[in-house]
Amino acid sequence: KIISPVSGPEHPELWRLTVASYCIRIWSRNQTLETRS
């Protein structure tokens, strides 16, 4: 589910939260992969 960057200027907090949650999701996924191996 990708949120359009167009909503950035209108809702900077929401866009920032979306980017942050996306980065955290990738980071946690990498942590899980490292833990398994």
Protein backbone atom coordinates (compact mmCIF):
# COMPACT_ATOMS: atom_id res chain seq x y z
CA LYS A 1 0.00 0.00 0.00
CA ILE A 2 1.71 3.15 -1.22
CA ILE A 3 0.52 6.62 -0.22
CA SER A 4 1.02 9.28 -2.88
CA PRO A 5 3.68 11.91 -2.03
CA VAL A 6 1.16 14.49 -3.25
CA SER A 7 -0.46 14.36 0.21
CA GLY A 8 2.88 15.48 1.71
CA PRO A 9 2.44 19.27 1.56
CA GLU A 10 -1.13 19.00 2.83
CA HIS A 11 -0.42 16.59 5.68
CA PRO A 12 3.31 16.72 6.51
CA GLU A 13 2.82 14.93 9.85
CA LEU A 14 0.89 12.09 8.24
CA TRP A 15 3.43 11.76 5.43
CA ARG A 16 6.33 11.81 7.88
CA LEU A 17 4.62 9.17 10.02
CA THR A 18 4.06 7.01 6.94
CA VAL A 19 7.71 7.24 5.93
CA ALA A 20 8.85 6.54 9.49
CA SER A 21 6.63 3.47 9.84
CA TYR A 22 7.84 2.24 6.45
CA CYS A 23 11.50 2.61 7.46
CA ILE A 24 10.85 0.91 10.80
CA ARG A 25 9.10 -1.95 9.01
CA ILE A 26 12.12 -2.51 6.75
CA TRP A 27 14.54 -2.13 9.68
CA SER A 28 12.67 -4.63 11.84
CA ARG A 29 12.50 -7.02 8.88
CA ASN A 30 16.29 -6.80 8.44
CA GLN A 31 16.78 -7.35 12.17
CA THR A 32 14.63 -10.49 11.98
CA LEU A 33 16.60 -11.83 9.02
CA GLU A 34 19.90 -11.20 10.81
CA THR A 35 18.62 -12.91 13.94
CA ARG A 36 17.55 -16.03 12.02
CA SER A 37 20.89 -16.37 10.24
